[in-house]
N, C-alpha and C. Protein backbone atom coordinates (compact mmCIF):
# COMPACT_ATOMS: atom_id res chain seq x y z
N UNK A 1 74.16 36.99 125.33
CA UNK A 1 73.19 37.93 124.81
C UNK A 1 71.72 37.16 126.04
N UNK A 2 71.11 38.07 126.53
CA UNK A 2 70.18 37.85 127.25
C UNK A 2 69.04 37.88 126.53
N UNK A 3 68.15 37.10 126.44
CA UNK A 3 66.27 38.22 125.02
C UNK A 3 65.64 37.05 126.36
N UNK A 4 64.65 38.23 125.77
CA UNK A 4 63.06 38.44 127.07
C UNK A 4 61.76 37.22 125.60
N UNK A 5 61.13 36.40 126.31
CA UNK A 5 60.80 35.96 125.05
C UNK A 5 59.07 35.66 126.00
N UNK A 6 57.78 35.75 124.90
CA UNK A 6 56.15 35.63 125.60
C UNK A 6 56.39 34.28 125.60
N UNK A 7 55.94 33.73 126.03
CA UNK A 7 55.48 32.47 126.18
C UNK A 7 54.79 31.69 127.95
N UNK A 8 53.72 31.26 126.63
CA UNK A 8 53.14 30.16 128.18
C UNK A 8 53.63 28.78 128.22
N UNK A 9 54.00 27.83 126.99
CA UNK A 9 54.32 27.03 126.83
C UNK A 9 55.70 26.45 128.05
N UNK A 10 56.29 27.32 127.72
CA UNK A 10 58.13 27.25 127.71
C UNK A 10 59.05 26.86 126.90
N UNK A 11 58.14 25.79 125.59
CA UNK A 11 58.22 25.62 124.60
C UNK A 11 58.17 26.27 123.26
N UNK A 12 57.43 26.98 122.88
CA UNK A 12 56.94 27.61 121.80
C UNK A 12 56.53 29.86 121.88
N UNK A 13 57.00 29.98 121.49
CA UNK A 13 56.63 32.08 121.74
C UNK A 13 55.25 31.57 121.13
N UNK A 14 54.44 31.62 121.72
CA UNK A 14 52.56 31.55 121.59
C UNK A 14 51.53 32.50 122.71
N UNK A 15 52.55 33.98 122.28
CA UNK A 15 51.61 34.91 122.88
C UNK A 15 52.26 35.98 122.46
N UNK A 16 51.04 36.98 122.81
CA UNK A 16 51.12 38.46 122.19
C UNK A 16 51.38 39.03 123.11
N UNK A 17 52.34 39.91 122.85
CA UNK A 17 53.01 41.04 123.78
C UNK A 17 52.18 41.69 124.81
N UNK A 18 51.41 41.89 124.86
CA UNK A 18 50.68 43.14 125.33
C UNK A 18 49.66 42.18 126.39
N UNK A 19 49.69 40.34 126.29
CA UNK A 19 49.04 39.24 126.76
C UNK A 19 50.08 39.04 127.96
N UNK A 20 51.02 38.95 127.81
CA UNK A 20 52.21 38.61 128.69
C UNK A 20 51.80 38.68 129.94
N UNK A 21 51.71 37.83 130.70
CA UNK A 21 52.09 38.10 132.24
C UNK A 21 52.90 38.31 132.86
N UNK A 22 54.10 37.25 132.12
CA UNK A 22 55.64 37.19 132.28
C UNK A 22 56.42 36.70 131.11
N UNK A 23 57.30 37.30 131.63
CA UNK A 23 58.24 37.33 130.21
C UNK A 23 59.24 36.42 131.03
N UNK A 24 60.05 35.10 129.73
CA UNK A 24 60.58 34.43 130.11
C UNK A 24 62.56 34.45 129.78
N UNK A 25 63.33 34.70 130.85
CA UNK A 25 64.30 35.16 130.13
C UNK A 25 65.63 34.03 129.74
N UNK A 26 66.36 34.28 128.88
CA UNK A 26 67.07 33.04 128.28
C UNK A 26 68.25 34.21 127.74
N UNK A 27 69.48 33.40 127.83
CA UNK A 27 71.36 33.38 127.50
C UNK A 27 71.39 32.93 126.33
N UNK A 28 71.42 33.33 126.13
CA UNK A 28 71.65 32.74 124.34
C UNK A 28 72.94 32.59 123.83
N UNK A 29 74.26 31.51 123.84
CA UNK A 29 75.51 31.90 123.87
C UNK A 29 75.73 30.97 122.80
N UNK A 30 76.43 31.32 121.17
CA UNK A 30 76.85 30.14 120.92
C UNK A 30 75.86 28.79 120.31
N UNK A 31 75.17 28.95 120.52
CA UNK A 31 74.14 28.95 119.73
C UNK A 31 72.99 27.45 121.45
N UNK A 32 73.64 28.29 122.58
CA UNK A 32 72.72 26.89 123.69
C UNK A 32 71.74 28.17 124.27
N UNK A 33 71.12 27.92 123.97
CA UNK A 33 69.67 28.97 124.70
C UNK A 33 70.00 28.07 125.88
N UNK A 34 69.36 29.23 127.31
CA UNK A 34 69.24 28.48 128.60
C UNK A 34 68.13 29.87 129.67
N UNK A 35 67.01 29.32 130.03
CA UNK A 35 66.15 29.84 130.28
C UNK A 35 67.00 30.20 132.25
N UNK A 36 67.21 31.60 132.40
CA UNK A 36 67.72 31.51 133.00
C UNK A 36 66.89 32.38 134.52
N UNK A 37 65.90 33.11 133.96
CA UNK A 37 64.78 33.89 135.48
C UNK A 37 63.35 33.64 133.53
N UNK A 38 62.29 34.74 134.79
CA UNK A 38 60.93 34.84 134.62
C UNK A 38 60.65 35.67 135.40
N UNK A 39 60.08 36.60 134.95
CA UNK A 39 60.03 38.63 135.05
C UNK A 39 58.41 37.78 135.31
N UNK A 40 57.61 38.44 135.87
CA UNK A 40 56.08 38.24 136.12
C UNK A 40 56.12 40.58 136.26
N UNK A 41 55.27 40.50 134.79
CA UNK A 41 54.62 41.60 134.67
C UNK A 41 52.71 42.19 134.80
N UNK A 42 52.96 43.39 134.99
CA UNK A 42 51.56 43.68 134.90
C UNK A 42 50.84 44.00 132.86
N UNK A 43 50.07 42.40 133.04
CA UNK A 43 49.75 43.16 131.31
C UNK A 43 49.78 43.71 130.23
N UNK A 44 50.54 44.81 129.18
CA UNK A 44 50.13 45.53 128.82
C UNK A 44 49.07 46.05 128.44
N UNK A 45 48.08 45.03 127.92
CA UNK A 45 46.63 44.96 126.66
C UNK A 45 45.69 45.16 128.30
N UNK A 46 44.71 45.74 128.02
CA UNK A 46 43.88 46.20 128.99
C UNK A 46 42.58 46.02 127.91
N UNK A 47 42.60 44.98 126.83
CA UNK A 47 41.36 44.87 126.50
C UNK A 47 40.39 46.15 126.15
N UNK A 48 40.81 47.38 125.44
CA UNK A 48 39.82 48.76 125.35
C UNK A 48 39.94 49.03 124.25
N UNK A 49 39.30 49.11 123.26
CA UNK A 49 39.02 48.40 121.67
C UNK A 49 39.76 49.74 121.17
N UNK A 50 40.23 51.32 122.17
CA UNK A 50 41.07 52.25 121.93
C UNK A 50 42.55 52.26 121.99
N UNK A 51 42.65 50.85 122.52
CA UNK A 51 44.30 50.77 122.71
C UNK A 51 44.81 52.04 123.36
N UNK A 52 44.29 52.78 123.86
CA UNK A 52 45.06 53.26 124.57
C UNK A 52 46.84 53.08 125.35
N UNK A 53 47.92 54.16 125.14
CA UNK A 53 48.36 53.65 125.53
C UNK A 53 49.40 53.54 126.77
N UNK A 54 50.15 52.44 127.18
CA UNK A 54 49.92 52.00 129.05
C UNK A 54 50.95 52.74 129.49
N UNK A 55 51.79 53.70 129.50
CA UNK A 55 52.69 53.64 129.72
C UNK A 55 53.27 53.01 130.91
N UNK A 56 52.38 53.44 132.20
CA UNK A 56 52.81 52.91 133.33
C UNK A 56 53.31 51.23 133.34
N UNK A 57 51.99 50.34 132.79
CA UNK A 57 52.64 49.35 132.42
C UNK A 57 53.96 49.10 130.92
N UNK A 58 54.15 49.50 130.20
CA UNK A 58 55.22 49.37 129.67
C UNK A 58 56.17 49.56 130.25
N UNK A 59 56.33 50.64 130.77
CA UNK A 59 58.13 50.69 132.02
C UNK A 59 58.03 49.85 132.95
N UNK A 60 56.82 49.28 133.45
CA UNK A 60 57.38 48.32 134.35
C UNK A 60 57.48 47.01 133.33
N UNK A 61 57.73 46.50 132.29
CA UNK A 61 57.76 45.66 131.52
C UNK A 61 59.19 45.83 131.01
N UNK A 62 59.69 47.22 130.56
CA UNK A 62 60.72 48.15 130.90
C UNK A 62 61.93 47.49 131.61
N UNK A 63 61.74 47.79 132.89
CA UNK A 63 62.09 47.77 134.07
C UNK A 63 62.49 46.91 134.10
N UNK A 64 61.49 45.38 134.55
CA UNK A 64 62.11 44.23 134.17
C UNK A 64 62.74 43.00 132.83
N UNK A 65 62.69 43.79 132.12
CA UNK A 65 63.76 42.82 130.86
C UNK A 65 65.23 43.97 130.54
N UNK A 66 64.69 44.62 130.96
CA UNK A 66 66.49 46.20 130.95
C UNK A 66 67.26 45.40 130.38
N UNK A 67 67.91 44.54 130.87
CA UNK A 67 69.00 43.81 130.77
C UNK A 67 69.42 42.54 129.42
N UNK A 68 68.24 42.57 128.23
CA UNK A 68 67.92 42.29 127.18
C UNK A 68 68.14 42.63 126.13
N UNK A 69 68.45 41.75 125.34
CA UNK A 69 68.68 43.02 124.17
C UNK A 69 67.97 43.20 123.21
N UNK A 70 67.12 42.11 123.46
CA UNK A 70 65.56 41.57 122.67
C UNK A 70 64.69 41.01 123.35
N UNK A 71 63.46 41.34 122.59
CA UNK A 71 61.57 40.40 122.65
C UNK A 71 61.82 40.34 121.65
N UNK A 72 61.75 38.52 122.03
CA UNK A 72 60.69 38.02 120.85
C UNK A 72 59.50 37.39 121.14
N UNK A 73 58.10 37.80 120.35
CA UNK A 73 57.37 37.32 120.74
C UNK A 73 56.02 37.11 119.26
N UNK A 74 55.23 37.20 119.85
CA UNK A 74 53.97 36.15 118.83
C UNK A 74 53.68 37.54 117.57
N UNK A 75 53.34 39.04 118.81
CA UNK A 75 52.38 40.01 118.13
C UNK A 75 52.74 40.82 118.74
N UNK A 76 52.95 41.81 118.75
CA UNK A 76 52.70 43.09 119.09
C UNK A 76 52.13 44.76 118.81
N UNK A 77 51.21 45.22 119.71
CA UNK A 77 51.71 46.37 118.82
C UNK A 77 52.42 47.55 117.99
N UNK A 78 51.90 48.15 117.37
CA UNK A 78 52.75 49.31 116.40
C UNK A 78 53.42 50.55 118.05
N UNK A 79 52.54 50.77 118.59
CA UNK A 79 52.98 51.53 119.97
C UNK A 79 54.02 51.04 120.77
N UNK A 80 53.69 49.61 121.18
CA UNK A 80 54.41 49.33 122.09
C UNK A 80 56.46 48.66 121.17
N UNK A 81 56.42 48.76 120.54
CA UNK A 81 57.03 47.67 119.61
C UNK A 81 58.04 49.26 119.42
N UNK A 82 57.55 50.60 119.09
CA UNK A 82 58.53 51.96 118.69
C UNK A 82 58.83 52.15 120.06
N UNK A 83 58.39 51.88 121.34
CA UNK A 83 58.91 52.01 122.56
C UNK A 83 60.11 51.39 122.76
N UNK A 84 59.73 49.84 122.35
CA UNK A 84 60.83 49.21 122.96
C UNK A 84 61.91 49.11 121.89
N UNK A 85 61.51 49.62 120.76
CA UNK A 85 62.71 49.96 119.93
C UNK A 85 63.83 51.59 120.27
N UNK A 86 63.03 52.46 120.90
CA UNK A 86 63.86 53.70 121.06
C UNK A 86 64.33 53.52 122.81
N UNK A 87 64.78 52.50 123.19
CA UNK A 87 65.00 51.66 124.17
C UNK A 87 65.28 51.12 124.42
N UNK A 88 66.25 50.74 122.53
CA UNK A 88 67.11 49.56 122.44
C UNK A 88 67.09 48.12 122.05
N UNK A 89 66.00 47.82 122.42
CA UNK A 89 65.61 46.50 122.60
C UNK A 89 65.53 46.17 120.58
N UNK A 90 65.71 44.71 120.18
CA UNK A 90 65.26 44.18 118.81
C UNK A 90 63.88 44.02 119.34
N UNK A 91 63.11 43.69 118.72
CA UNK A 91 61.41 43.38 118.59
C UNK A 91 61.41 42.60 117.71
N UNK A 92 61.36 41.28 117.82
CA UNK A 92 61.42 40.20 116.06
C UNK A 92 60.18 39.73 117.00
N UNK A 93 58.99 39.89 115.87
CA UNK A 93 58.15 38.71 116.19
C UNK A 93 58.12 37.12 115.20
N UNK A 94 57.54 35.86 116.12
CA UNK A 94 57.78 34.61 115.66
C UNK A 94 56.59 33.61 115.80
N UNK A 95 56.93 33.16 115.86
CA UNK A 95 55.89 32.23 116.32
C UNK A 95 56.38 30.97 116.02
N UNK A 96 56.18 29.62 116.90
CA UNK A 96 56.81 28.10 116.66
C UNK A 96 57.95 28.30 117.70
N UNK A 97 58.55 27.13 117.78
CA UNK A 97 59.46 26.46 119.06
C UNK A 97 60.48 27.54 120.05
N UNK A 98 60.83 27.74 120.60
CA UNK A 98 61.66 29.14 121.26
C UNK A 98 63.73 29.08 120.22
N UNK A 99 63.23 27.87 120.80
CA UNK A 99 65.61 28.19 120.15
C UNK A 99 64.60 28.79 118.76
N UNK A 100 64.58 27.74 117.82
CA UNK A 100 64.72 28.51 116.22
C UNK A 100 64.80 30.67 116.36
N UNK A 101 63.55 30.26 117.51
CA UNK A 101 63.49 32.44 117.23
C UNK A 101 64.18 32.82 118.25
N UNK A 102 65.39 32.06 118.84
CA UNK A 102 66.29 32.85 119.71
C UNK A 102 67.12 33.50 119.15
N UNK A 103 68.13 32.45 118.19
CA UNK A 103 68.53 32.74 116.94
C UNK A 103 68.87 33.59 116.41
N UNK A 104 67.26 33.36 115.83
CA UNK A 104 66.73 34.68 115.01
C UNK A 104 67.51 36.30 115.51
N UNK A 105 66.69 36.50 116.57
CA UNK A 105 67.01 37.41 117.49
C UNK A 105 68.50 37.87 117.69
N UNK A 106 68.49 36.62 118.49
CA UNK A 106 70.77 37.05 117.84
C UNK A 106 71.20 37.43 117.66
N UNK A 107 70.82 36.88 116.15
CA UNK A 107 71.59 37.09 114.50
C UNK A 107 70.68 38.46 114.23
N UNK A 108 69.95 38.91 114.94
CA UNK A 108 69.05 40.13 114.58
C UNK A 108 70.11 41.04 115.06
N UNK A 109 70.12 41.01 115.75
CA UNK A 109 71.27 42.36 117.09
C UNK A 109 72.30 41.92 116.94
N UNK A 110 73.15 40.47 116.54
CA UNK A 110 74.79 40.30 116.36
C UNK A 110 75.10 40.31 114.90
N UNK A 111 76.02 41.11 113.71
CA UNK A 111 76.91 40.60 112.95
C UNK A 111 77.65 40.11 112.90
N UNK A 112 77.33 39.05 113.63
CA UNK A 112 78.74 37.57 113.03
C UNK A 112 79.56 37.68 114.85
N UNK A 113 80.66 38.21 114.68
CA UNK A 113 81.40 37.49 116.07
C UNK A 113 80.87 39.28 116.80
N UNK A 114 80.61 39.82 116.16
CA UNK A 114 80.73 41.39 116.90
C UNK A 114 79.05 42.19 116.95
N UNK A 115 79.03 41.84 118.14
CA UNK A 115 77.39 42.40 118.99
C UNK A 115 77.11 44.13 118.71
N UNK A 116 76.44 44.64 118.58
CA UNK A 116 75.86 45.91 118.56
C UNK A 116 74.84 45.86 120.40
N UNK A 117 74.79 47.15 120.27
CA UNK A 117 74.27 48.03 121.97
C UNK A 117 74.77 47.61 122.67
N UNK A 118 74.49 47.09 123.59
CA UNK A 118 74.58 46.22 124.82
C UNK A 118 75.41 45.63 124.78
N UNK A 119 76.05 45.11 126.25
CA UNK A 119 77.00 44.81 126.26
C UNK A 119 77.25 42.66 125.88
N UNK A 120 78.29 41.53 125.69
CA UNK A 120 77.87 40.70 125.21
C UNK A 120 77.72 40.57 126.17
N UNK A 121 78.13 40.63 127.70
CA UNK A 121 77.77 39.54 128.92
C UNK A 121 76.99 40.06 129.96
N UNK A 122 76.01 40.77 129.18
CA UNK A 122 75.96 41.48 130.59
C UNK A 122 74.64 40.53 131.40
N UNK A 123 74.43 41.14 132.42
CA UNK A 123 74.17 39.74 133.53
C UNK A 123 72.54 39.73 133.98
N UNK A 124 71.14 38.85 134.83
CA UNK A 124 70.14 39.10 134.75
C UNK A 124 70.11 39.49 135.95
N UNK A 125 69.95 40.67 137.09
CA UNK A 125 70.17 41.06 138.34
C UNK A 125 68.97 41.09 139.19
N UNK A 126 67.70 39.49 138.96
CA UNK A 126 66.18 40.17 139.90
C UNK A 126 66.64 38.68 139.99
């Protein structure tokens, strides 16, 4: 399963979804996470106090992470979260080390050995 993560450090979930300028893509299979790519995106947040919905930026992020089943981030606003969920992504908010957060995301998408949603063996083609 591929999971997109917002992380500045590369070891911790330490970034807000809207502030991410890249998403680290991890392949998580049988508890063995491996970073397979990093997707550079235009950050979603404009720091506008009215928080307008930024369709173009969100669509660019979705296009960049489209092969993933889940997004793990420290924080995310309601509008982008709902849009990601409508597109079939599981959104998981977590902080701390990446590995336990990946397991949490995996377990929230999969029930035992049978995975829900997109195919278990989706490939990242970027």
